[in-house]
Amino acid sequence: MAIKRPKPEEIVVKLRQVEVLMGQSMPRIDAIRQTGVTEQTYYCWKKTYGGMGAEQLKGLKRLQQANQRLRRAVPDLTLGKLILPEAARGNF
């Protein structure tokens, strides 16, 4: 069975839950455990998504989608660049 990875929106919500619990004078470790995440995962998420709002998260998604689109386009362009000189020389 595949492991379900949380979406970025869910990650931001869990990070905010930990902050709220810590604001209620709960120790950090207990707050992290109460959200159902390991301590290592929490710090990794905090490094990546810490301090992000909804708008910044949407911007991150748009950048990731554009990056994927560009990564798919590069091999096609490279192949075309290699084929054009061969076709121009008449070596079909």
Protein backbone atom coordinates (compact mmCIF):
# COMPACT_ATOMS: atom_id res chain seq x y z
CA MET A 1 0.00 0.00 0.00
CA ALA A 2 1.35 3.41 -0.94
CA ILE A 3 2.15 6.04 1.66
CA LYS A 4 -0.12 9.07 1.46
CA ARG A 5 1.88 12.27 1.48
CA PRO A 6 0.21 15.36 2.84
CA LYS A 7 -0.49 18.25 0.51
CA PRO A 8 1.31 21.55 1.11
CA GLU A 9 -1.92 23.10 2.44
CA GLU A 10 -2.18 20.34 5.04
CA ILE A 11 1.47 20.81 5.99
CA VAL A 12 0.97 24.54 6.59
CA VAL A 13 -2.11 23.80 8.72
CA LYS A 14 -0.14 21.34 10.87
CA LEU A 15 2.70 23.82 11.29
CA ARG A 16 0.21 26.43 12.47
CA GLN A 17 -1.37 23.93 14.87
CA VAL A 18 2.02 23.35 16.47
CA GLU A 19 2.52 27.12 16.83
CA VAL A 20 -0.90 27.51 18.47
CA LEU A 21 -0.25 24.66 20.90
CA MET A 22 3.14 26.12 21.77
CA GLY A 23 1.41 29.46 22.36
CA GLN A 24 -0.78 27.70 24.91
CA SER A 25 2.42 26.85 26.84
CA MET A 26 2.64 23.26 25.63
CA PRO A 27 6.19 21.97 25.15
CA ARG A 28 7.28 21.85 21.51
CA ILE A 29 7.84 18.09 21.44
CA ASP A 30 4.36 17.38 22.83
CA ALA A 31 2.77 19.82 20.38
CA ILE A 32 4.53 18.12 17.47
CA ARG A 33 3.46 14.67 18.62
CA GLN A 34 -0.13 15.80 19.09
CA THR A 35 -0.35 16.81 15.43
CA GLY A 36 0.72 13.29 14.44
CA VAL A 37 4.09 14.12 12.90
CA THR A 38 7.59 13.08 13.83
CA GLU A 39 10.01 15.69 15.12
CA GLN A 40 12.31 15.27 12.13
CA THR A 41 9.42 15.72 9.68
CA TYR A 42 8.26 18.82 11.54
CA TYR A 43 11.66 20.50 11.24
CA CYS A 44 11.97 19.54 7.57
CA TRP A 45 8.51 21.00 6.87
CA LYS A 46 9.30 24.10 8.90
CA LYS A 47 12.43 24.68 6.85
CA THR A 48 10.48 24.38 3.59
CA TYR A 49 7.06 25.83 4.40
CA GLY A 50 7.67 27.85 7.59
CA GLY A 51 6.03 31.26 7.59
CA MET A 52 4.16 30.73 4.33
CA GLY A 53 0.68 32.07 3.85
CA ALA A 54 -1.98 30.90 1.44
CA GLU A 55 -0.88 33.31 -1.31
CA GLN A 56 2.76 32.33 -1.05
CA LEU A 57 1.78 28.67 -1.16
CA LYS A 58 -0.20 29.25 -4.36
CA GLY A 59 2.81 31.05 -5.84
CA LEU A 60 5.04 28.11 -4.92
CA LYS A 61 2.64 25.72 -6.67
CA ARG A 62 2.65 27.87 -9.81
CA LEU A 63 6.45 27.91 -9.84
CA GLN A 64 6.63 24.15 -9.41
CA GLN A 65 4.20 23.60 -12.28
CA ALA A 66 6.15 25.96 -14.53
CA ASN A 67 9.36 24.18 -13.60
CA GLN A 68 7.86 20.80 -14.54
CA ARG A 69 6.66 22.18 -17.87
CA LEU A 70 10.12 23.55 -18.65
CA ARG A 71 11.82 20.29 -17.67
CA ARG A 72 9.61 18.45 -20.16
CA ALA A 73 10.34 21.01 -22.90
CA VAL A 74 14.16 20.87 -22.64
CA PRO A 75 14.61 17.31 -24.01
CA ASP A 76 12.37 18.09 -26.99
CA LEU A 77 14.35 21.23 -27.81
CA THR A 78 17.67 19.44 -27.40
CA LEU A 79 16.58 16.67 -29.74
CA GLY A 80 15.46 19.23 -32.31
CA LYS A 81 18.79 21.03 -32.05
CA LEU A 82 20.65 17.79 -32.73
CA ILE A 83 18.45 16.76 -35.66
CA LEU A 84 18.42 20.11 -37.52
CA PRO A 85 22.14 20.13 -38.50
CA GLU A 86 21.84 16.54 -39.75
CA ALA A 87 18.82 17.45 -41.85
CA ALA A 88 20.55 20.57 -43.21
CA ARG A 89 23.53 18.47 -44.37
CA GLY A 90 21.19 16.06 -46.14
CA ASN A 91 22.01 13.06 -43.91
CA PHE A 92 18.53 11.67 -43.45
